[in-house]
Structures are given as structure tokens and as C-alpha cells.
Amino acid sequence: MKESTIDDCRIVELGKHHGATGNLTVVDNGKTEQFETKRVFFIYDIPGGVSRGGHSHKTLRELIIATSGSFEVYVNDGEREQTFTLNNPSKALLLPPGVWEELRNFSSGAVALVLATIPYEPTDYIRDFQEFLKYKREQ
């Protein structure tokens, strides 16, 4: 959605079940934030100083979780920007379409788990920031 703003980006508490044998966090398909997962991928072994993402989506929504380590997610809606730090596997960042995203400052051993609402579709991506700004202006 072109009209999404950074106010639509938010941390979602997934919850944690603690027991003597460890912790368990669950993302229930279709129940967690009404988020139905169609694609799952991991980002890991990121070299120091490298950013990931650097794009926006036209329809896809994402739920991003730091399953190990930490990293930042920079978001920009064409007018404002904000950075979220993810470092707890029981919390996720919900990203709507129409927001530019970059994952940055990965700690050593960081793993990002990304749940997406549609399968990979190259035409859903806007990979140039100037094109993204033009897309937002045309709303």
C-alpha cells in the first residue's frame, strides 16, 4: 500500500513460554497479527558492515525476528524515518507494504527470520530509493 507510514511499523510481542528445558516462542499462521505466512527465509553469516534489504514492497507484509544476535531495521515512508533494534526472539517487527527497509548493524552470529505474506515475486519489489519516493508521491 502506497499510503503506509512508519506508524504502521511496530514491534509485536510474540510471547515466550519458559520452562526448565528452555524457552519456546510461537508464531501461529493466521493468528499472530492476522499474518498468514506464504514464504519463510533466514538471513545469516552477514559480513561486518553489510546491509540487507534496501527495498520496499508493493503488497507484501513482513514479520522480522532476530532469532539469534541483534540487528537494526531502518524504515522510511518517504517523509519520516525510524530505526528499530531487534535482539529478542520473542519480539518481531511487523512491516507493511509501502515502507522502505534496510537491515543493518548485524552482530556476530545474528540470524534474521523473515515471514512474508506472499511468495517471492520480483515485480513486488521497488529496489531503487528514488523510484520508491516517486511511487509514494503518486499515491
C-alpha atoms as a PDB file:
ATOM      1  CA  MET A   1       0.000   0.000   0.000  1.00  0.00           C
ATOM      2  CA  LYS A   2       1.450   3.328  -1.003  1.00  0.00           C
ATOM      3  CA  GLU A   3      -0.178   5.075   1.941  1.00  0.00           C
ATOM      4  CA  SER A   4       1.609   3.028   4.640  1.00  0.00           C
ATOM      5  CA  THR A   5       3.741   5.062   7.024  1.00  0.00           C
ATOM      6  CA  ILE A   6       6.322   4.219   9.660  1.00  0.00           C
ATOM      7  CA  ASP A   7       3.462   4.448  12.169  1.00  0.00           C
ATOM      8  CA  ASP A   8       2.256   1.155  10.658  1.00  0.00           C
ATOM      9  CA  CYS A   9       5.597  -0.483  11.534  1.00  0.00           C
ATOM     10  CA  ARG A  10       5.536  -1.881  15.035  1.00  0.00           C
ATOM     11  CA  ILE A  11       7.063  -4.343  17.415  1.00  0.00           C
ATOM     12  CA  VAL A  12       4.822  -7.344  18.030  1.00  0.00           C
ATOM     13  CA  GLU A  13       5.139  -9.323  21.266  1.00  0.00           C
ATOM     14  CA  LEU A  14       5.134 -12.986  20.267  1.00  0.00           C
ATOM     15  CA  GLY A  15       5.283 -14.232  23.825  1.00  0.00           C
ATOM     16  CA  LYS A  16       7.610 -16.689  25.467  1.00  0.00           C
ATOM     17  CA  HIS A  17       6.845 -19.989  27.138  1.00  0.00           C
ATOM     18  CA  HIS A  18       9.576 -20.554  29.721  1.00  0.00           C
ATOM     19  CA  GLY A  19      10.354 -23.970  31.111  1.00  0.00           C
ATOM     20  CA  ALA A  20      13.151 -25.857  32.804  1.00  0.00           C
ATOM     21  CA  THR A  21      14.317 -27.134  29.409  1.00  0.00           C
ATOM     22  CA  GLY A  22      14.384 -23.719  27.715  1.00  0.00           C
ATOM     23  CA  ASN A  23      12.151 -21.177  26.060  1.00  0.00           C
ATOM     24  CA  LEU A  24       9.623 -21.542  23.250  1.00  0.00           C
ATOM     25  CA  THR A  25       8.154 -18.778  21.099  1.00  0.00           C
ATOM     26  CA  VAL A  26       5.346 -19.494  18.659  1.00  0.00           C
ATOM     27  CA  VAL A  27       4.101 -17.706  15.532  1.00  0.00           C
ATOM     28  CA  ASP A  28       0.723 -19.201  14.667  1.00  0.00           C
ATOM     29  CA  ASN A  29      -0.098 -18.876  10.974  1.00  0.00           C
ATOM     30  CA  GLY A  30      -3.125 -16.628  10.546  1.00  0.00           C
ATOM     31  CA  LYS A  31      -3.408 -15.913  14.285  1.00  0.00           C
ATOM     32  CA  THR A  32      -0.331 -13.842  15.064  1.00  0.00           C
ATOM     33  CA  GLU A  33      -1.358 -10.332  13.981  1.00  0.00           C
ATOM     34  CA  GLN A  34      -3.672 -11.833  11.343  1.00  0.00           C
ATOM     35  CA  PHE A  35      -0.496 -12.641   9.444  1.00  0.00           C
ATOM     36  CA  GLU A  36      -0.715 -15.565   7.023  1.00  0.00           C
ATOM     37  CA  THR A  37       2.730 -16.806   6.043  1.00  0.00           C
ATOM     38  CA  LYS A  38       3.353 -17.805   2.424  1.00  0.00           C
ATOM     39  CA  ARG A  39       7.173 -17.644   2.497  1.00  0.00           C
ATOM     40  CA  VAL A  40       9.869 -18.018   5.154  1.00  0.00           C
ATOM     41  CA  PHE A  41      13.570 -17.242   4.820  1.00  0.00           C
ATOM     42  CA  PHE A  42      16.643 -16.720   7.006  1.00  0.00           C
ATOM     43  CA  ILE A  43      19.410 -14.159   6.632  1.00  0.00           C
ATOM     44  CA  TYR A  44      22.683 -15.153   8.323  1.00  0.00           C
ATOM     45  CA  ASP A  45      26.502 -15.113   8.072  1.00  0.00           C
ATOM     46  CA  ILE A  46      26.342 -11.433   7.188  1.00  0.00           C
ATOM     47  CA  PRO A  47      29.825  -9.901   6.793  1.00  0.00           C
ATOM     48  CA  GLY A  48      30.615  -6.930   9.033  1.00  0.00           C
ATOM     49  CA  GLY A  49      29.359  -3.598   7.717  1.00  0.00           C
ATOM     50  CA  VAL A  50      26.988  -5.153   5.160  1.00  0.00           C
ATOM     51  CA  SER A  51      23.319  -4.121   4.959  1.00  0.00           C
ATOM     52  CA  ARG A  52      20.488  -6.273   3.651  1.00  0.00           C
ATOM     53  CA  GLY A  53      17.146  -5.265   2.205  1.00  0.00           C
ATOM     54  CA  GLY A  54      17.357  -1.853   0.622  1.00  0.00           C
ATOM     55  CA  HIS A  55      13.919  -2.115  -0.934  1.00  0.00           C
ATOM     56  CA  SER A  56      10.191  -1.664  -0.473  1.00  0.00           C
ATOM     57  CA  HIS A  57       7.267  -3.899  -1.350  1.00  0.00           C
ATOM     58  CA  LYS A  58       4.027  -3.005  -3.099  1.00  0.00           C
ATOM     59  CA  THR A  59       1.818  -5.659  -1.444  1.00  0.00           C
ATOM     60  CA  LEU A  60       3.940  -7.964   0.717  1.00  0.00           C
ATOM     61  CA  ARG A  61       3.879  -7.674   4.526  1.00  0.00           C
ATOM     62  CA  GLU A  62       6.766  -8.999   6.610  1.00  0.00           C
ATOM     63  CA  LEU A  63       7.310 -10.152  10.161  1.00  0.00           C
ATOM     64  CA  ILE A  64      11.031  -9.955  11.014  1.00  0.00           C
ATOM     65  CA  ILE A  65      12.514 -11.740  14.043  1.00  0.00           C
ATOM     66  CA  ALA A  66      16.065 -11.768  15.418  1.00  0.00           C
ATOM     67  CA  THR A  67      16.280 -15.467  16.260  1.00  0.00           C
ATOM     68  CA  SER A  68      19.913 -15.006  17.315  1.00  0.00           C
ATOM     69  CA  GLY A  69      22.039 -11.935  17.962  1.00  0.00           C
ATOM     70  CA  SER A  70      20.862  -8.476  17.056  1.00  0.00           C
ATOM     71  CA  PHE A  71      20.452  -6.070  14.161  1.00  0.00           C
ATOM     72  CA  GLU A  72      18.670  -2.845  13.283  1.00  0.00           C
ATOM     73  CA  VAL A  73      15.850  -2.337  10.811  1.00  0.00           C
ATOM     74  CA  TYR A  74      15.796   1.137   9.274  1.00  0.00           C
ATOM     75  CA  VAL A  75      12.426   2.140   7.809  1.00  0.00           C
ATOM     76  CA  ASN A  76      11.448   5.164   5.742  1.00  0.00           C
ATOM     77  CA  ASP A  77       7.979   6.073   4.480  1.00  0.00           C
ATOM     78  CA  GLY A  78       9.141   8.812   2.108  1.00  0.00           C
ATOM     79  CA  GLU A  79       8.666  11.533   4.720  1.00  0.00           C
ATOM     80  CA  ARG A  80       9.923  10.126   8.011  1.00  0.00           C
ATOM     81  CA  GLU A  81      12.406   7.508   9.102  1.00  0.00           C
ATOM     82  CA  GLN A  82      12.904   5.326  12.153  1.00  0.00           C
ATOM     83  CA  THR A  83      15.247   2.573  13.286  1.00  0.00           C
ATOM     84  CA  PHE A  84      14.110  -0.474  15.266  1.00  0.00           C
ATOM     85  CA  THR A  85      16.560  -2.708  17.122  1.00  0.00           C
ATOM     86  CA  LEU A  86      15.712  -6.405  17.118  1.00  0.00           C
ATOM     87  CA  ASN A  87      17.521  -8.503  19.729  1.00  0.00           C
ATOM     88  CA  ASN A  88      14.880 -10.722  21.338  1.00  0.00           C
ATOM     89  CA  PRO A  89      13.376 -13.768  19.593  1.00  0.00           C
ATOM     90  CA  SER A  90      10.043 -13.273  21.380  1.00  0.00           C
ATOM     91  CA  LYS A  91       9.540  -9.903  19.664  1.00  0.00           C
ATOM     92  CA  ALA A  92       9.059  -9.269  15.963  1.00  0.00           C
ATOM     93  CA  LEU A  93       8.834  -6.234  13.713  1.00  0.00           C
ATOM     94  CA  LEU A  94       5.717  -6.046  11.566  1.00  0.00           C
ATOM     95  CA  LEU A  95       6.385  -4.201   8.291  1.00  0.00           C
ATOM     96  CA  PRO A  96       3.574  -3.167   5.947  1.00  0.00           C
ATOM     97  CA  PRO A  97       3.987  -2.700   2.204  1.00  0.00           C
ATOM     98  CA  GLY A  98       4.964   0.768   1.000  1.00  0.00           C
ATOM     99  CA  VAL A  99       7.795   1.276   3.506  1.00  0.00           C
ATOM    100  CA  TRP A 100      11.476   1.269   2.563  1.00  0.00           C
ATOM    101  CA  GLU A 101      13.515  -1.177   4.690  1.00  0.00           C
ATOM    102  CA  GLU A 102      17.182  -1.848   5.343  1.00  0.00           C
ATOM    103  CA  LEU A 103      18.603  -4.348   7.839  1.00  0.00           C
ATOM    104  CA  ARG A 104      21.869  -3.024   9.313  1.00  0.00           C
ATOM    105  CA  ASN A 105      24.472  -3.450  12.025  1.00  0.00           C
ATOM    106  CA  PHE A 106      24.271  -7.217  12.388  1.00  0.00           C
ATOM    107  CA  SER A 107      26.027  -8.614  15.440  1.00  0.00           C
ATOM    108  CA  SER A 108      28.331 -11.586  15.025  1.00  0.00           C
ATOM    109  CA  GLY A 109      26.204 -14.709  14.639  1.00  0.00           C
ATOM    110  CA  ALA A 110      22.978 -12.783  14.050  1.00  0.00           C
ATOM    111  CA  VAL A 111      20.149 -14.615  12.313  1.00  0.00           C
ATOM    112  CA  ALA A 112      17.110 -12.813  10.886  1.00  0.00           C
ATOM    113  CA  LEU A 113      13.976 -14.885  10.327  1.00  0.00           C
ATOM    114  CA  VAL A 114      11.559 -13.283   7.873  1.00  0.00           C
ATOM    115  CA  LEU A 115       7.961 -14.395   7.386  1.00  0.00           C
ATOM    116  CA  ALA A 116       6.240 -12.981   4.303  1.00  0.00           C
ATOM    117  CA  THR A 117       2.616 -12.870   3.194  1.00  0.00           C
ATOM    118  CA  ILE A 118       3.257 -13.747  -0.468  1.00  0.00           C
ATOM    119  CA  PRO A 119       5.742 -15.994  -2.296  1.00  0.00           C
ATOM    120  CA  TYR A 120       8.757 -14.335  -3.902  1.00  0.00           C
ATOM    121  CA  GLU A 121       7.557 -12.042  -6.675  1.00  0.00           C
ATOM    122  CA  PRO A 122      10.210  -9.793  -8.305  1.00  0.00           C
ATOM    123  CA  THR A 123       7.600  -7.292  -9.560  1.00  0.00           C
ATOM    124  CA  ASP A 124       6.508  -6.601  -5.954  1.00  0.00           C
ATOM    125  CA  TYR A 125       9.912  -5.065  -5.137  1.00  0.00           C
ATOM    126  CA  ILE A 126      10.989  -1.448  -5.530  1.00  0.00           C
ATOM    127  CA  ARG A 127      14.791  -1.626  -5.302  1.00  0.00           C
ATOM    128  CA  ASP A 128      15.740   1.982  -6.056  1.00  0.00           C
ATOM    129  CA  PHE A 129      15.109   4.586  -3.355  1.00  0.00           C
ATOM    130  CA  GLN A 130      14.332   7.367  -5.862  1.00  0.00           C
ATOM    131  CA  GLU A 131      11.770   5.114  -7.576  1.00  0.00           C
ATOM    132  CA  PHE A 132      10.305   4.381  -4.139  1.00  0.00           C
ATOM    133  CA  LEU A 133       9.902   8.123  -3.447  1.00  0.00           C
ATOM    134  CA  LYS A 134       8.223   8.579  -6.841  1.00  0.00           C
ATOM    135  CA  TYR A 135       5.912   5.620  -6.103  1.00  0.00           C
ATOM    136  CA  LYS A 136       4.920   7.189  -2.773  1.00  0.00           C
ATOM    137  CA  ARG A 137       4.246  10.600  -4.368  1.00  0.00           C
ATOM    138  CA  GLU A 138       1.914   9.021  -6.938  1.00  0.00           C
ATOM    139  CA  GLN A 139      -0.489   7.699  -4.302  1.00  0.00           C
END
